[in-house]
Amino acid sequence: MISCADTLLVFTSFSIRSGLLWKAETYGRLGLAMFPEDDRIREMYAYALLLNQKFSELSSVLGDARRPSRNFAYVKARLEMLTGSSDATRSEAVRSFLRGGQA
């Protein structure tokens, strides 16, 4: 049986793939409010925020992640590249991504 969290995850994913980023954000925000422990929704929401260039909100979403993952590491590396962080910070973010999200 498909849960509500799974449905919101699929809606978020399809909205991103369709280019409807405002819709992906809405589904992601709703999913995160209803299921704060579900990192799958957090990952999709973070990616939607990255694509929509909402970097301040993205930082807080990434900071609340329960466990590291390659997807979070990718979004964090992209965020560091786009926001003009220091070379050391960018390098560490890319290294974390290449290690599979492990610190």
Protein backbone atom coordinates (compact mmCIF):
# COMPACT_ATOMS: atom_id res chain seq x y z
CA MET A 1 0.00 0.00 0.00
CA ILE A 2 1.29 3.45 -0.91
CA SER A 3 1.59 5.85 2.00
CA CYS A 4 0.91 9.57 2.01
CA ALA A 5 4.67 10.23 2.29
CA ASP A 6 5.31 8.15 -0.83
CA THR A 7 2.61 10.03 -2.73
CA LEU A 8 4.05 13.42 -1.78
CA LEU A 9 7.51 12.18 -2.75
CA VAL A 10 6.27 11.13 -6.19
CA PHE A 11 4.40 14.43 -6.68
CA THR A 12 7.55 16.36 -5.73
CA SER A 13 9.69 14.31 -8.09
CA PHE A 14 7.31 14.62 -11.03
CA SER A 15 6.98 18.36 -10.46
CA ILE A 16 10.77 18.76 -10.60
CA ARG A 17 10.99 16.67 -13.75
CA SER A 18 8.21 18.72 -15.33
CA GLY A 19 9.91 22.00 -14.46
CA LEU A 20 7.14 23.07 -12.10
CA LEU A 21 9.52 24.11 -9.33
CA TRP A 22 6.96 26.15 -7.39
CA LYS A 23 4.77 23.05 -7.24
CA ALA A 24 7.72 20.85 -6.20
CA GLU A 25 8.48 23.32 -3.42
CA THR A 26 4.88 23.22 -2.22
CA TYR A 27 4.75 19.42 -2.15
CA GLY A 28 8.18 19.26 -0.52
CA ARG A 29 7.28 21.79 2.16
CA LEU A 30 4.02 19.96 2.88
CA GLY A 31 5.78 16.60 2.99
CA LEU A 32 8.45 17.92 5.32
CA ALA A 33 5.83 19.43 7.65
CA MET A 34 3.89 16.16 7.78
CA PHE A 35 6.86 13.76 7.81
CA PRO A 36 9.93 15.56 9.22
CA GLU A 37 11.74 12.26 9.76
CA ASP A 38 11.56 11.23 6.08
CA ASP A 39 14.88 12.17 4.49
CA ARG A 40 13.66 11.16 1.02
CA ILE A 41 11.21 14.06 1.03
CA ARG A 42 13.88 16.34 2.52
CA GLU A 43 16.25 15.44 -0.35
CA MET A 44 13.68 16.20 -3.04
CA TYR A 45 12.63 19.43 -1.32
CA ALA A 46 16.27 20.50 -1.02
CA TYR A 47 16.83 19.84 -4.72
CA ALA A 48 13.73 21.87 -5.63
CA LEU A 49 14.99 24.76 -3.50
CA LEU A 50 18.41 24.52 -5.16
CA LEU A 51 16.89 24.67 -8.63
CA ASN A 52 14.70 27.60 -7.55
CA GLN A 53 17.77 29.37 -6.08
CA LYS A 54 16.31 29.74 -2.60
CA PHE A 55 19.66 29.29 -0.90
CA SER A 56 18.84 30.62 2.58
CA GLU A 57 15.93 28.22 3.01
CA LEU A 58 18.01 25.43 1.49
CA SER A 59 20.73 25.84 4.13
CA SER A 60 18.26 25.22 6.94
CA VAL A 61 16.75 22.19 5.17
CA LEU A 62 20.22 20.67 4.71
CA GLY A 63 21.15 21.46 8.31
CA ASP A 64 18.21 19.48 9.67
CA ALA A 65 19.07 16.27 7.79
CA ARG A 66 19.02 13.19 10.04
CA ARG A 67 21.72 11.19 8.28
CA PRO A 68 24.24 11.99 5.56
CA SER A 69 23.60 10.76 2.04
CA ARG A 70 25.12 11.18 -1.39
CA ASN A 71 22.10 13.25 -2.46
CA PHE A 72 22.52 15.72 0.41
CA ALA A 73 26.25 15.90 -0.32
CA TYR A 74 25.52 16.70 -3.98
CA VAL A 75 23.09 19.49 -3.11
CA LYS A 76 25.50 20.90 -0.53
CA ALA A 77 28.38 20.85 -3.03
CA ARG A 78 26.23 22.66 -5.62
CA LEU A 79 25.17 25.19 -2.98
CA GLU A 80 28.78 25.89 -2.02
CA MET A 81 29.73 26.36 -5.68
CA LEU A 82 26.85 28.76 -6.35
CA THR A 83 27.14 30.91 -3.24
CA GLY A 84 30.82 31.79 -3.60
CA SER A 85 32.08 30.09 -0.47
CA SER A 86 35.79 29.81 0.26
CA ASP A 87 37.91 27.39 -1.74
CA ALA A 88 38.41 25.16 1.30
CA THR A 89 34.68 24.92 1.97
CA ARG A 90 33.94 24.12 -1.66
CA SER A 91 36.69 21.50 -1.80
CA GLU A 92 35.42 19.81 1.36
CA ALA A 93 31.86 19.74 0.03
CA VAL A 94 33.01 18.12 -3.22
CA ARG A 95 35.15 15.60 -1.31
CA SER A 96 32.17 14.71 0.85
CA PHE A 97 30.09 14.09 -2.27
CA LEU A 98 32.81 11.94 -3.82
CA ARG A 99 33.02 9.88 -0.61
CA GLY A 100 29.32 9.14 -0.88
CA GLY A 101 28.11 11.74 1.58
CA GLN A 102 30.29 10.61 4.45
CA ALA A 103 31.98 13.34 6.48
